[in-house]
N, C-alpha and C. Protein backbone atom coordinates (compact mmCIF):
# COMPACT_ATOMS: atom_id res chain seq x y z
N MET A 1 0.85 -1.18 0.00
CA MET A 1 0.00 0.00 0.00
C MET A 1 0.89 1.23 0.00
N ALA A 2 0.73 2.10 -0.95
CA ALA A 2 1.50 3.33 -1.02
C ALA A 2 0.80 4.39 -0.18
N ILE A 3 1.48 4.88 0.80
CA ILE A 3 0.88 5.84 1.71
C ILE A 3 1.13 7.26 1.25
N GLY A 4 2.31 7.56 0.81
CA GLY A 4 2.63 8.89 0.33
C GLY A 4 3.24 9.83 1.35
N LEU A 5 4.01 9.28 2.28
CA LEU A 5 4.71 10.11 3.26
C LEU A 5 6.11 10.38 2.74
N TYR A 6 6.23 11.33 1.85
CA TYR A 6 7.50 11.63 1.20
C TYR A 6 7.93 13.06 1.48
N GLY A 7 9.23 13.29 1.43
CA GLY A 7 9.75 14.65 1.51
C GLY A 7 10.56 14.91 2.75
N TYR A 8 11.27 16.03 2.71
CA TYR A 8 12.15 16.46 3.80
C TYR A 8 11.58 17.72 4.44
N SER A 9 11.64 17.78 5.76
CA SER A 9 11.24 18.98 6.48
C SER A 9 12.24 19.24 7.60
N SER A 10 12.59 20.49 7.77
CA SER A 10 13.41 20.92 8.90
C SER A 10 12.45 21.49 9.94
N LEU A 11 12.45 20.89 11.13
CA LEU A 11 11.49 21.26 12.16
C LEU A 11 12.22 21.67 13.44
N ALA A 12 11.53 22.41 14.27
CA ALA A 12 12.07 22.77 15.58
C ALA A 12 11.53 21.79 16.62
N LEU A 13 12.39 21.39 17.53
CA LEU A 13 11.98 20.60 18.69
C LEU A 13 11.68 21.60 19.79
N ASP A 14 10.42 21.69 20.22
CA ASP A 14 10.06 22.73 21.18
C ASP A 14 10.58 22.40 22.58
N SER A 15 10.35 23.29 23.52
CA SER A 15 10.89 23.16 24.87
C SER A 15 10.34 21.94 25.62
N LYS A 16 9.22 21.38 25.14
CA LYS A 16 8.65 20.18 25.77
C LYS A 16 9.05 18.90 25.04
N GLY A 17 9.87 19.03 24.00
CA GLY A 17 10.32 17.84 23.27
C GLY A 17 9.35 17.38 22.20
N ARG A 18 8.58 18.32 21.65
CA ARG A 18 7.59 17.98 20.63
C ARG A 18 8.00 18.52 19.27
N ILE A 19 7.55 17.81 18.25
CA ILE A 19 7.63 18.33 16.89
C ILE A 19 6.21 18.41 16.35
N ALA A 20 6.00 19.32 15.41
CA ALA A 20 4.70 19.45 14.76
C ALA A 20 4.83 18.89 13.35
N MET A 21 4.02 17.88 13.05
CA MET A 21 4.07 17.28 11.72
C MET A 21 3.60 18.30 10.69
N PRO A 22 4.30 18.39 9.56
CA PRO A 22 3.90 19.34 8.51
C PRO A 22 2.50 19.03 7.96
N ALA A 23 1.80 20.08 7.62
CA ALA A 23 0.42 19.96 7.12
C ALA A 23 0.32 19.12 5.85
N LYS A 24 1.41 19.06 5.06
CA LYS A 24 1.35 18.31 3.80
C LYS A 24 1.08 16.82 4.02
N TYR A 25 1.26 16.33 5.25
CA TYR A 25 1.02 14.91 5.54
C TYR A 25 -0.36 14.65 6.13
N LYS A 26 -1.14 15.69 6.29
CA LYS A 26 -2.42 15.58 7.00
C LYS A 26 -3.35 14.53 6.39
N GLU A 27 -3.58 14.59 5.10
CA GLU A 27 -4.52 13.65 4.47
C GLU A 27 -4.01 12.21 4.52
N ALA A 28 -2.74 12.02 4.24
CA ALA A 28 -2.18 10.67 4.27
C ALA A 28 -2.25 10.09 5.68
N LEU A 29 -1.96 10.91 6.69
CA LEU A 29 -2.00 10.42 8.07
C LEU A 29 -3.42 10.11 8.52
N LYS A 30 -4.40 10.84 8.00
CA LYS A 30 -5.80 10.52 8.31
C LYS A 30 -6.13 9.10 7.89
N GLU A 31 -5.61 8.70 6.74
CA GLU A 31 -5.90 7.38 6.19
C GLU A 31 -5.26 6.25 6.98
N VAL A 32 -4.06 6.46 7.48
CA VAL A 32 -3.29 5.32 8.00
C VAL A 32 -2.96 5.35 9.48
N SER A 33 -3.16 6.46 10.16
CA SER A 33 -2.68 6.53 11.54
C SER A 33 -3.55 5.72 12.51
N GLU A 34 -4.82 5.56 12.21
CA GLU A 34 -5.75 4.88 13.11
C GLU A 34 -5.71 5.48 14.51
N GLY A 35 -5.48 6.79 14.58
CA GLY A 35 -5.45 7.48 15.87
C GLY A 35 -4.17 7.33 16.65
N SER A 36 -3.18 6.67 16.05
CA SER A 36 -1.92 6.50 16.78
C SER A 36 -0.74 6.42 15.82
N LEU A 37 0.40 6.76 16.36
CA LEU A 37 1.68 6.59 15.68
C LEU A 37 2.58 5.85 16.67
N VAL A 38 3.59 5.20 16.15
CA VAL A 38 4.58 4.54 17.00
C VAL A 38 5.94 5.12 16.64
N ILE A 39 6.69 5.51 17.66
CA ILE A 39 8.03 6.04 17.47
C ILE A 39 9.01 5.12 18.18
N THR A 40 10.10 4.80 17.49
CA THR A 40 11.08 3.88 18.05
C THR A 40 12.47 4.19 17.51
N ARG A 41 13.44 3.46 18.02
CA ARG A 41 14.83 3.62 17.60
C ARG A 41 15.07 3.02 16.22
N ASP A 42 15.95 3.64 15.46
CA ASP A 42 16.49 3.03 14.25
C ASP A 42 17.61 2.10 14.72
N PRO A 43 17.64 0.86 14.24
CA PRO A 43 18.67 -0.07 14.73
C PRO A 43 20.08 0.20 14.23
N GLN A 44 20.24 1.05 13.21
CA GLN A 44 21.57 1.28 12.65
C GLN A 44 22.12 2.68 12.91
N TYR A 45 21.26 3.66 12.93
CA TYR A 45 21.70 5.05 13.05
C TYR A 45 21.13 5.69 14.31
N PRO A 46 21.78 6.73 14.82
CA PRO A 46 21.22 7.45 15.97
C PRO A 46 20.08 8.36 15.49
N SER A 47 19.00 7.72 15.10
CA SER A 47 17.83 8.42 14.60
C SER A 47 16.60 7.62 15.03
N LEU A 48 15.44 8.15 14.73
CA LEU A 48 14.19 7.52 15.14
C LEU A 48 13.34 7.22 13.92
N ARG A 49 12.43 6.30 14.10
CA ARG A 49 11.45 5.99 13.06
C ARG A 49 10.06 6.18 13.63
N ILE A 50 9.19 6.75 12.81
CA ILE A 50 7.79 6.94 13.18
C ILE A 50 6.94 6.17 12.18
N TYR A 51 6.11 5.29 12.71
CA TYR A 51 5.24 4.46 11.88
C TYR A 51 3.77 4.78 12.16
N PRO A 52 2.94 4.83 11.12
CA PRO A 52 1.50 4.91 11.34
C PRO A 52 1.03 3.65 12.05
N GLY A 53 0.00 3.78 12.87
CA GLY A 53 -0.51 2.64 13.63
C GLY A 53 -0.80 1.43 12.78
N SER A 54 -1.37 1.63 11.59
CA SER A 54 -1.73 0.50 10.72
C SER A 54 -0.51 -0.28 10.27
N LEU A 55 0.57 0.40 9.93
CA LEU A 55 1.78 -0.27 9.47
C LEU A 55 2.52 -0.92 10.63
N TRP A 56 2.53 -0.26 11.79
CA TRP A 56 3.24 -0.80 12.95
C TRP A 56 2.70 -2.18 13.33
N LYS A 57 1.41 -2.37 13.23
CA LYS A 57 0.83 -3.67 13.58
C LYS A 57 1.47 -4.79 12.77
N THR A 58 1.66 -4.56 11.49
CA THR A 58 2.26 -5.56 10.61
C THR A 58 3.74 -5.78 10.92
N ILE A 59 4.48 -4.69 11.04
CA ILE A 59 5.92 -4.79 11.26
C ILE A 59 6.24 -5.38 12.63
N SER A 60 5.55 -4.91 13.65
CA SER A 60 5.85 -5.42 14.99
C SER A 60 5.53 -6.91 15.09
N LYS A 61 4.46 -7.34 14.46
CA LYS A 61 4.11 -8.76 14.48
C LYS A 61 5.20 -9.58 13.81
N ALA A 62 5.75 -9.09 12.70
CA ALA A 62 6.83 -9.81 12.02
C ALA A 62 8.06 -9.93 12.92
N PHE A 63 8.40 -8.87 13.65
CA PHE A 63 9.54 -8.92 14.56
C PHE A 63 9.26 -9.82 15.76
N GLU A 64 8.04 -9.79 16.25
CA GLU A 64 7.68 -10.64 17.39
C GLU A 64 7.79 -12.11 17.04
N ASN A 65 7.54 -12.45 15.79
CA ASN A 65 7.54 -13.85 15.37
C ASN A 65 8.93 -14.40 15.08
N LEU A 66 9.96 -13.55 15.10
CA LEU A 66 11.33 -14.03 14.87
C LEU A 66 11.84 -14.73 16.12
N SER A 67 12.71 -15.69 15.92
CA SER A 67 13.29 -16.42 17.05
C SER A 67 14.26 -15.52 17.81
N GLY A 68 14.03 -15.40 19.10
CA GLY A 68 14.92 -14.61 19.95
C GLY A 68 16.18 -15.35 20.35
N LEU A 69 16.38 -16.56 19.82
CA LEU A 69 17.58 -17.33 20.16
C LEU A 69 18.82 -16.82 19.43
N ASP A 70 18.63 -16.17 18.29
CA ASP A 70 19.75 -15.59 17.55
C ASP A 70 20.08 -14.24 18.21
N SER A 71 21.33 -14.06 18.62
CA SER A 71 21.70 -12.86 19.37
C SER A 71 21.52 -11.57 18.55
N LYS A 72 21.73 -11.62 17.24
CA LYS A 72 21.54 -10.43 16.41
C LYS A 72 20.07 -10.05 16.35
N ILE A 73 19.23 -11.07 16.18
CA ILE A 73 17.79 -10.81 16.13
C ILE A 73 17.32 -10.27 17.48
N ARG A 74 17.79 -10.88 18.55
CA ARG A 74 17.39 -10.46 19.89
C ARG A 74 17.78 -8.99 20.14
N SER A 75 18.97 -8.61 19.72
CA SER A 75 19.42 -7.23 19.89
C SER A 75 18.53 -6.26 19.12
N ILE A 76 18.17 -6.63 17.90
CA ILE A 76 17.28 -5.78 17.10
C ILE A 76 15.90 -5.69 17.75
N GLN A 77 15.39 -6.81 18.25
CA GLN A 77 14.10 -6.80 18.94
C GLN A 77 14.14 -5.88 20.16
N TRP A 78 15.21 -5.97 20.94
CA TRP A 78 15.33 -5.10 22.12
C TRP A 78 15.29 -3.64 21.74
N ASN A 79 16.07 -3.28 20.72
CA ASN A 79 16.15 -1.88 20.32
C ASN A 79 14.92 -1.39 19.59
N PHE A 80 14.39 -2.21 18.72
CA PHE A 80 13.29 -1.79 17.87
C PHE A 80 11.94 -1.89 18.58
N LEU A 81 11.67 -3.05 19.18
CA LEU A 81 10.39 -3.24 19.87
C LEU A 81 10.44 -2.70 21.30
N GLY A 82 11.57 -2.92 21.96
CA GLY A 82 11.68 -2.55 23.37
C GLY A 82 11.59 -1.06 23.63
N TYR A 83 11.96 -0.26 22.66
CA TYR A 83 11.91 1.19 22.83
C TYR A 83 10.74 1.83 22.08
N ALA A 84 9.86 1.03 21.55
CA ALA A 84 8.71 1.56 20.82
C ALA A 84 7.75 2.25 21.78
N ASN A 85 7.28 3.40 21.37
CA ASN A 85 6.32 4.18 22.16
C ASN A 85 5.09 4.46 21.31
N LEU A 86 3.94 4.04 21.82
CA LEU A 86 2.67 4.32 21.16
C LEU A 86 2.27 5.75 21.50
N ILE A 87 1.94 6.51 20.49
CA ILE A 87 1.56 7.91 20.67
C ILE A 87 0.14 8.09 20.17
N ASP A 88 -0.75 8.54 21.06
CA ASP A 88 -2.08 8.92 20.60
C ASP A 88 -1.90 10.13 19.70
N PHE A 89 -2.43 10.04 18.50
CA PHE A 89 -2.17 11.09 17.52
C PHE A 89 -3.47 11.54 16.90
N GLU A 90 -3.74 12.80 17.03
CA GLU A 90 -4.94 13.38 16.44
C GLU A 90 -4.55 14.20 15.22
N VAL A 91 -5.14 13.86 14.09
CA VAL A 91 -4.88 14.62 12.86
C VAL A 91 -5.74 15.89 12.94
N ASN A 92 -5.06 16.99 13.29
CA ASN A 92 -5.73 18.27 13.42
C ASN A 92 -4.79 19.37 12.94
N ASP A 93 -5.08 20.60 13.28
CA ASP A 93 -4.22 21.70 12.83
C ASP A 93 -2.85 21.71 13.50
N ARG A 94 -2.73 21.13 14.68
CA ARG A 94 -1.45 21.17 15.40
C ARG A 94 -0.58 19.95 15.10
N MET A 95 -1.15 18.78 15.09
CA MET A 95 -0.47 17.51 14.78
C MET A 95 0.90 17.40 15.46
N GLN A 96 0.91 17.56 16.78
CA GLN A 96 2.16 17.50 17.53
C GLN A 96 2.46 16.08 18.01
N ILE A 97 3.75 15.78 18.06
CA ILE A 97 4.22 14.49 18.56
C ILE A 97 5.23 14.77 19.67
N LEU A 98 4.97 14.21 20.84
CA LEU A 98 5.92 14.30 21.94
C LEU A 98 6.91 13.15 21.81
N ILE A 99 8.18 13.49 21.71
CA ILE A 99 9.23 12.48 21.61
C ILE A 99 9.76 12.22 23.01
N PRO A 100 9.62 10.99 23.52
CA PRO A 100 10.09 10.69 24.88
C PRO A 100 11.58 11.00 25.05
N GLN A 101 11.95 11.39 26.27
CA GLN A 101 13.32 11.79 26.56
C GLN A 101 14.33 10.71 26.18
N SER A 102 14.03 9.45 26.48
CA SER A 102 14.99 8.37 26.17
C SER A 102 15.26 8.28 24.67
N LEU A 103 14.24 8.52 23.86
CA LEU A 103 14.43 8.50 22.41
C LEU A 103 15.14 9.76 21.92
N ARG A 104 14.85 10.88 22.54
CA ARG A 104 15.58 12.12 22.18
C ARG A 104 17.06 11.95 22.47
N ASP A 105 17.38 11.33 23.60
CA ASP A 105 18.79 11.09 23.94
C ASP A 105 19.45 10.18 22.91
N TYR A 106 18.77 9.10 22.54
CA TYR A 106 19.32 8.15 21.58
C TYR A 106 19.62 8.83 20.24
N ALA A 107 18.70 9.68 19.79
CA ALA A 107 18.85 10.33 18.49
C ALA A 107 19.60 11.67 18.57
N GLN A 108 20.10 11.99 19.75
CA GLN A 108 20.87 13.22 19.95
C GLN A 108 20.06 14.47 19.61
N LEU A 109 18.77 14.44 19.96
CA LEU A 109 17.89 15.58 19.71
C LEU A 109 17.89 16.49 20.94
N LYS A 110 18.04 17.77 20.70
CA LYS A 110 18.07 18.75 21.79
C LYS A 110 16.92 19.74 21.60
N VAL A 111 16.28 20.10 22.72
CA VAL A 111 15.17 21.05 22.63
C VAL A 111 15.66 22.37 22.05
N LYS A 112 14.77 22.99 21.32
CA LYS A 112 15.00 24.27 20.65
C LYS A 112 16.07 24.20 19.56
N GLU A 113 16.42 23.00 19.13
CA GLU A 113 17.33 22.83 17.99
C GLU A 113 16.55 22.21 16.85
N LYS A 114 17.12 22.27 15.66
CA LYS A 114 16.47 21.74 14.47
C LYS A 114 16.59 20.22 14.38
N VAL A 115 15.52 19.62 13.91
CA VAL A 115 15.53 18.19 13.60
C VAL A 115 15.10 18.03 12.15
N SER A 116 15.54 16.96 11.54
CA SER A 116 15.15 16.65 10.16
C SER A 116 14.10 15.56 10.20
N LEU A 117 13.00 15.79 9.51
CA LEU A 117 11.94 14.80 9.35
C LEU A 117 11.97 14.37 7.90
N ILE A 118 12.21 13.08 7.67
CA ILE A 118 12.31 12.57 6.31
C ILE A 118 11.18 11.59 6.07
N GLY A 119 10.31 11.90 5.12
CA GLY A 119 9.24 10.99 4.74
C GLY A 119 9.79 9.91 3.84
N MET A 120 9.61 8.66 4.25
CA MET A 120 10.20 7.52 3.54
C MET A 120 9.13 6.64 2.89
N GLY A 121 8.01 7.23 2.51
CA GLY A 121 6.95 6.48 1.85
C GLY A 121 5.89 6.02 2.82
N GLN A 122 6.24 5.03 3.66
CA GLN A 122 5.28 4.51 4.62
C GLN A 122 5.62 4.87 6.06
N LYS A 123 6.76 5.50 6.26
CA LYS A 123 7.20 5.86 7.60
C LYS A 123 8.01 7.16 7.52
N PHE A 124 8.36 7.67 8.69
CA PHE A 124 9.23 8.83 8.80
C PHE A 124 10.51 8.44 9.53
N GLU A 125 11.57 9.18 9.24
CA GLU A 125 12.77 9.12 10.06
C GLU A 125 12.95 10.51 10.67
N VAL A 126 13.43 10.54 11.91
CA VAL A 126 13.70 11.79 12.61
C VAL A 126 15.17 11.79 13.00
N TRP A 127 15.88 12.83 12.58
CA TRP A 127 17.32 12.94 12.80
C TRP A 127 17.67 14.28 13.46
N ASN A 128 18.72 14.28 14.23
CA ASN A 128 19.38 15.52 14.61
C ASN A 128 19.82 16.14 13.28
N GLU A 129 19.47 17.39 13.04
CA GLU A 129 19.72 17.97 11.72
C GLU A 129 21.21 17.99 11.34
N LYS A 130 22.07 18.22 12.31
CA LYS A 130 23.52 18.22 12.02
C LYS A 130 23.96 16.82 11.57
N ASN A 131 23.44 15.78 12.22
CA ASN A 131 23.78 14.41 11.81
C ASN A 131 23.26 14.11 10.42
N TRP A 132 22.03 14.56 10.13
CA TRP A 132 21.45 14.31 8.81
C TRP A 132 22.29 14.96 7.71
N LEU A 133 22.67 16.20 7.93
CA LEU A 133 23.47 16.91 6.93
C LEU A 133 24.84 16.25 6.75
N ALA A 134 25.43 15.77 7.84
CA ALA A 134 26.71 15.05 7.75
C ALA A 134 26.53 13.74 6.98
N LYS A 135 25.44 13.04 7.24
CA LYS A 135 25.18 11.76 6.56
C LYS A 135 24.98 12.00 5.06
N GLU A 136 24.29 13.08 4.71
CA GLU A 136 24.11 13.42 3.30
C GLU A 136 25.44 13.62 2.59
N LYS A 137 26.43 14.10 3.32
CA LYS A 137 27.76 14.32 2.75
C LYS A 137 28.62 13.06 2.81
N GLY A 138 28.05 11.95 3.28
CA GLY A 138 28.78 10.69 3.33
C GLY A 138 29.68 10.54 4.54
N GLN A 139 29.49 11.38 5.52
CA GLN A 139 30.33 11.32 6.72
C GLN A 139 29.78 10.33 7.73
N GLN A 140 30.68 9.76 8.52
CA GLN A 140 30.27 8.89 9.61
C GLN A 140 29.82 9.77 10.77
N ILE A 141 28.82 9.31 11.51
CA ILE A 141 28.32 10.08 12.64
C ILE A 141 28.44 9.27 13.92
N GLN A 142 28.55 9.97 15.03
CA GLN A 142 28.68 9.30 16.33
C GLN A 142 27.44 8.46 16.60
N GLY A 143 27.64 7.22 17.02
CA GLY A 143 26.54 6.33 17.33
C GLY A 143 26.11 5.44 16.18
N GLU A 144 26.68 5.63 15.01
CA GLU A 144 26.34 4.83 13.84
C GLU A 144 26.94 3.43 13.97
N LYS A 145 26.16 2.43 13.64
CA LYS A 145 26.64 1.05 13.66
C LYS A 145 26.97 0.66 12.23
N LEU A 146 28.25 0.73 11.88
CA LEU A 146 28.68 0.56 10.50
C LEU A 146 28.54 -0.86 9.98
N ASP A 147 28.83 -1.82 10.80
CA ASP A 147 28.88 -3.19 10.31
C ASP A 147 27.69 -4.03 10.77
N ILE A 148 26.52 -3.43 10.73
CA ILE A 148 25.33 -4.19 11.10
C ILE A 148 25.06 -5.22 10.01
N ASP A 149 24.92 -6.44 10.43
CA ASP A 149 24.71 -7.56 9.51
C ASP A 149 23.37 -8.18 9.85
N LEU A 150 22.35 -7.82 9.09
CA LEU A 150 21.01 -8.30 9.38
C LEU A 150 20.81 -9.72 8.87
N PRO A 151 20.29 -10.60 9.71
CA PRO A 151 19.95 -11.94 9.24
C PRO A 151 18.93 -11.84 8.10
N SER A 152 18.93 -12.84 7.22
CA SER A 152 18.08 -12.78 6.03
C SER A 152 16.60 -12.65 6.37
N ASN A 153 16.14 -13.30 7.45
CA ASN A 153 14.72 -13.20 7.79
C ASN A 153 14.35 -11.80 8.29
N VAL A 154 15.31 -11.04 8.79
CA VAL A 154 15.06 -9.65 9.17
C VAL A 154 15.07 -8.77 7.93
N GLN A 155 15.94 -9.06 6.98
CA GLN A 155 16.02 -8.28 5.75
C GLN A 155 14.71 -8.33 4.97
N GLU A 156 13.95 -9.38 5.14
CA GLU A 156 12.68 -9.54 4.41
C GLU A 156 11.56 -8.67 4.98
N ILE A 157 11.73 -8.15 6.19
CA ILE A 157 10.70 -7.32 6.81
C ILE A 157 10.86 -5.89 6.29
N PRO A 158 9.80 -5.32 5.72
CA PRO A 158 9.91 -3.97 5.15
C PRO A 158 9.84 -2.87 6.21
N PHE A 159 10.88 -2.80 7.04
CA PHE A 159 10.87 -1.82 8.11
C PHE A 159 11.80 -0.69 7.81
């Protein structure tokens, strides 16, 4: 299902740790959010992923069904599922998302600084803007896991 969450936005993280989703995503989010979004850690980069409620159900179920006996899979489950936060989300004029402190710390997000919101089709990525600009230039960033080797059954999950 093509959702249409595409594009780049530079946003401010307010003093309470919130970002306001751009209005251009309003209609698409009405279709897929089901009143909630899920925000969690990216397993490779110091960034976050935001999933519409409808997509999260599918992806989380796929991760839950993987065997936790493989240490690589278990580590991904801990980071991806273990830090997932369900956010009640109302598609309105404000469309604010509160990013929990633990996730802000992981993604190196600081209040009153710029963050990059990248629409990736069915999900969003949230980056510290300085890290995003460095990554665009091909630079390594602090906290990046360069040699992540995903097992084949994880590679098949469209996350």
